[in-house]
């Protein structure tokens, strides 16, 4: 019997499976995210994200179709309409910008994923000025995107690329312990923010870990 090669793309249903799994992970991590945020912020990031992603779950359960871009954009819109403060629009942009870049596509390969999430990173920087080293979600997002690009350029299997991106996001998330916050309320605490993981970066690391896991 010939070996069956694993798929090299994520289709609409695979993406939906990942997004629902991500909702579950965010809700389970609510307390942990709140604790991280309490060290440098208001302590409600986990609660805010759990509420926003639960709203996205309702949309996901009702959504059907084939356009992966529209699916991602709908998740972003759900988060944006539910989560307030600075964190809501920033996290929502990850999905809305990626969705806009993938509009009309029925499946995604590594090149697509790298391009989409690169657009997300660019849009976040454009909107709020956040970049790698500022102790934000960009510290996990930028390295993960770089790994996706490298994997795509090397024509690696999609799972290898996703695993590498998840690892890069984890390392990037951990690196935020060494940074001084330059955005949000945490920026007023200066050096007091050193030693603490940024909850936004943790959320991005969680996102890539979930994507890699559900794609196996």
Protein backbone atom coordinates (compact mmCIF):
# COMPACT_ATOMS: atom_id res chain seq x y z
CA UNK A 1 0.00 0.00 0.00
CA UNK A 2 1.34 3.46 -0.93
CA UNK A 3 2.02 5.92 1.85
CA UNK A 4 -0.62 8.62 2.15
CA UNK A 5 1.02 12.03 2.30
CA UNK A 6 -0.39 14.48 4.87
CA UNK A 7 -2.27 17.48 3.46
CA UNK A 8 -0.18 20.57 2.74
CA UNK A 9 -3.04 23.01 3.19
CA UNK A 10 -5.62 23.94 5.82
CA UNK A 11 -9.13 24.06 4.40
CA UNK A 12 -12.23 25.85 5.69
CA UNK A 13 -13.20 23.03 8.06
CA UNK A 14 -9.65 22.62 9.34
CA UNK A 15 -9.49 26.34 10.06
CA UNK A 16 -12.84 26.23 11.82
CA UNK A 17 -11.63 23.31 13.95
CA UNK A 18 -8.54 25.34 14.95
CA UNK A 19 -10.56 28.45 15.81
CA UNK A 20 -13.01 26.55 18.03
CA UNK A 21 -10.07 24.84 19.77
CA UNK A 22 -8.49 28.28 20.28
CA UNK A 23 -11.68 29.56 21.91
CA UNK A 24 -11.50 26.63 24.34
CA UNK A 25 -7.84 27.35 25.13
CA UNK A 26 -8.43 31.05 25.73
CA UNK A 27 -11.38 30.37 28.04
CA UNK A 28 -9.33 27.78 29.97
CA UNK A 29 -6.45 30.25 30.27
CA UNK A 30 -8.61 33.10 31.60
CA UNK A 31 -7.21 32.99 35.14
CA UNK A 32 -3.62 32.67 33.97
CA UNK A 33 -4.00 35.59 31.58
CA UNK A 34 -5.61 37.71 34.31
CA UNK A 35 -2.69 36.96 36.65
CA UNK A 36 -0.17 37.99 33.99
CA UNK A 37 -2.08 41.20 33.34
CA UNK A 38 -2.39 41.98 37.06
CA UNK A 39 1.40 42.28 37.28
CA UNK A 40 1.50 45.20 34.82
CA UNK A 41 -2.08 46.17 34.00
CA UNK A 42 -5.69 46.01 35.14
CA UNK A 43 -5.78 42.26 35.65
CA UNK A 44 -8.74 41.73 33.34
CA UNK A 45 -7.10 40.71 30.06
CA UNK A 46 -8.08 37.06 30.51
CA UNK A 47 -11.69 37.89 31.33
CA UNK A 48 -11.90 40.30 28.39
CA UNK A 49 -10.47 37.77 25.95
CA UNK A 50 -12.58 34.89 27.28
CA UNK A 51 -15.75 36.94 26.76
CA UNK A 52 -14.65 38.04 23.28
CA UNK A 53 -13.69 34.56 22.13
CA UNK A 54 -16.92 33.09 23.50
CA UNK A 55 -18.75 35.58 21.27
CA UNK A 56 -16.64 34.33 18.38
CA UNK A 57 -17.61 30.75 19.25
CA UNK A 58 -21.30 31.53 18.71
CA UNK A 59 -20.48 32.93 15.29
CA UNK A 60 -18.30 29.91 14.43
CA UNK A 61 -21.03 27.45 15.38
CA UNK A 62 -23.45 29.17 12.99
CA UNK A 63 -21.02 29.91 10.16
CA UNK A 64 -20.80 27.71 7.10
CA UNK A 65 -19.18 28.18 3.73
CA UNK A 66 -15.83 27.86 2.02
CA UNK A 67 -14.15 31.28 2.23
CA UNK A 68 -11.41 31.08 4.88
CA UNK A 69 -10.82 34.82 4.66
CA UNK A 70 -14.41 35.62 5.57
CA UNK A 71 -14.27 33.13 8.45
CA UNK A 72 -11.19 34.82 9.95
CA UNK A 73 -12.63 38.28 9.39
CA UNK A 74 -15.83 37.27 11.19
CA UNK A 75 -13.82 36.12 14.21
CA UNK A 76 -12.00 39.44 14.27
CA UNK A 77 -15.26 41.36 14.02
CA UNK A 78 -16.75 39.35 16.91
CA UNK A 79 -13.72 40.11 19.09
CA UNK A 80 -13.73 43.79 18.14
CA UNK A 81 -17.42 44.20 18.96
CA UNK A 82 -17.06 42.51 22.35
CA UNK A 83 -13.63 43.39 23.77
CA UNK A 84 -12.94 46.94 24.86
CA UNK A 85 -9.78 48.83 25.74
CA UNK A 86 -6.63 48.67 23.64
CA UNK A 87 -6.33 44.88 23.75
CA UNK A 88 -9.60 44.13 21.94
CA UNK A 89 -8.85 46.04 18.72
CA UNK A 90 -5.24 44.78 18.69
CA UNK A 91 -6.16 41.10 19.01
CA UNK A 92 -9.06 41.58 16.59
CA UNK A 93 -6.61 42.98 14.01
CA UNK A 94 -4.69 39.69 13.99
CA UNK A 95 -7.80 38.05 12.53
CA UNK A 96 -9.33 40.87 10.48
CA UNK A 97 -6.08 41.72 8.65
CA UNK A 98 -5.32 38.03 8.02
CA UNK A 99 -8.88 37.52 6.83
CA UNK A 100 -8.70 40.44 4.43
CA UNK A 101 -5.50 39.02 2.95
CA UNK A 102 -7.09 35.58 2.52
CA UNK A 103 -10.46 36.72 1.16
CA UNK A 104 -11.74 34.38 -1.53
CA UNK A 105 -9.41 31.52 -0.66
CA UNK A 106 -10.79 28.07 0.15
CA UNK A 107 -7.58 26.68 1.66
CA UNK A 108 -4.27 27.95 3.00
CA UNK A 109 -0.71 26.76 2.47
CA UNK A 110 2.41 27.94 4.32
CA UNK A 111 2.98 30.81 1.91
CA UNK A 112 -0.59 32.00 2.45
CA UNK A 113 -0.29 31.78 6.23
CA UNK A 114 3.02 33.65 6.25
CA UNK A 115 1.66 36.41 4.02
CA UNK A 116 -1.62 36.76 5.94
CA UNK A 117 -0.05 36.97 9.37
CA UNK A 118 2.64 39.30 8.09
CA UNK A 119 -0.19 41.61 7.04
CA UNK A 120 -1.59 41.30 10.58
CA UNK A 121 1.75 42.30 12.09
CA UNK A 122 2.12 45.25 9.71
CA UNK A 123 -1.39 46.49 10.48
CA UNK A 124 -0.85 46.27 14.25
CA UNK A 125 2.37 48.28 13.96
CA UNK A 126 0.63 50.81 11.72
CA UNK A 127 -2.28 51.27 14.14
CA UNK A 128 -0.43 51.42 17.44
CA UNK A 129 3.28 51.56 16.69
CA UNK A 130 4.05 48.29 18.50
CA UNK A 131 7.08 46.38 17.30
CA UNK A 132 9.28 43.52 18.48
CA UNK A 133 10.98 44.42 21.75
CA UNK A 134 8.12 46.59 23.05
CA UNK A 135 6.68 43.84 25.32
CA UNK A 136 3.51 43.24 23.30
CA UNK A 137 1.99 40.43 21.28
CA UNK A 138 4.38 41.45 18.47
CA UNK A 139 7.20 39.74 20.37
CA UNK A 140 5.52 36.40 19.68
CA UNK A 141 3.89 37.23 16.35
CA UNK A 142 6.94 38.53 14.46
CA UNK A 143 9.21 35.52 15.16
CA UNK A 144 6.40 33.10 14.30
CA UNK A 145 5.77 34.85 10.99
CA UNK A 146 9.50 34.73 10.22
CA UNK A 147 9.49 30.96 10.75
CA UNK A 148 6.47 30.55 8.48
CA UNK A 149 8.21 32.55 5.76
CA UNK A 150 11.40 30.50 6.09
CA UNK A 151 9.49 27.22 5.99
CA UNK A 152 7.54 28.34 2.93
CA UNK A 153 10.73 29.43 1.16
CA UNK A 154 12.31 26.04 1.91
CA UNK A 155 9.20 24.18 0.70
CA UNK A 156 8.90 22.37 4.02
CA UNK A 157 5.80 20.34 4.93
CA UNK A 158 3.11 22.54 6.45
CA UNK A 159 3.27 20.73 9.79
CA UNK A 160 7.00 21.41 10.10
CA UNK A 161 6.38 25.08 9.41
CA UNK A 162 3.58 25.29 11.96
CA UNK A 163 5.63 23.48 14.60
CA UNK A 164 8.56 25.86 14.03
CA UNK A 165 6.27 28.87 14.20
CA UNK A 166 4.74 27.63 17.46
CA UNK A 167 8.20 27.17 18.97
CA UNK A 168 9.26 30.66 17.85
CA UNK A 169 6.11 32.16 19.36
CA UNK A 170 6.83 30.39 22.67
CA UNK A 171 10.39 31.69 22.75
CA UNK A 172 9.21 35.17 21.79
CA UNK A 173 6.60 35.10 24.53
CA UNK A 174 9.21 34.14 27.14
CA UNK A 175 11.52 36.89 25.91
CA UNK A 176 9.02 39.53 27.05
CA UNK A 177 10.13 38.90 30.64
CA UNK A 178 13.29 40.84 29.83
CA UNK A 179 11.60 43.87 28.26
CA UNK A 180 10.25 47.12 29.63
CA UNK A 181 6.67 47.75 28.49
CA UNK A 182 6.33 50.60 26.00
CA UNK A 183 2.59 50.44 25.27
CA UNK A 184 -0.65 50.44 27.21
CA UNK A 185 -1.03 51.15 30.91
CA UNK A 186 2.02 49.01 31.67
CA UNK A 187 4.33 51.61 30.10
CA UNK A 188 3.86 53.85 33.17
CA UNK A 189 5.44 51.18 35.39
CA UNK A 190 8.78 51.27 33.60
CA UNK A 191 11.32 48.80 34.97
CA UNK A 192 8.68 47.23 37.24
CA UNK A 193 7.41 45.38 34.17
CA UNK A 194 10.70 43.45 33.81
CA UNK A 195 10.35 39.82 34.86
CA UNK A 196 6.76 39.45 33.75
CA UNK A 197 5.41 37.76 30.62
CA UNK A 198 3.22 39.93 28.41
CA UNK A 199 -0.28 38.40 28.29
CA UNK A 200 -0.79 39.43 24.66
CA UNK A 201 2.36 37.58 23.62
CA UNK A 202 1.16 34.60 25.64
CA UNK A 203 -2.14 34.65 23.74
CA UNK A 204 -0.30 34.62 20.40
CA UNK A 205 1.90 31.73 21.56
CA UNK A 206 -1.29 29.91 22.55
CA UNK A 207 -2.74 30.60 19.12
CA UNK A 208 0.23 29.12 17.24
CA UNK A 209 0.46 26.14 19.59
CA UNK A 210 -3.22 25.40 18.99
CA UNK A 211 -2.84 25.79 15.23
CA UNK A 212 0.10 23.36 15.16
CA UNK A 213 -1.72 20.86 17.36
CA UNK A 214 -5.02 20.86 15.45
CA UNK A 215 -3.20 20.49 12.13
CA UNK A 216 -1.59 17.17 13.10
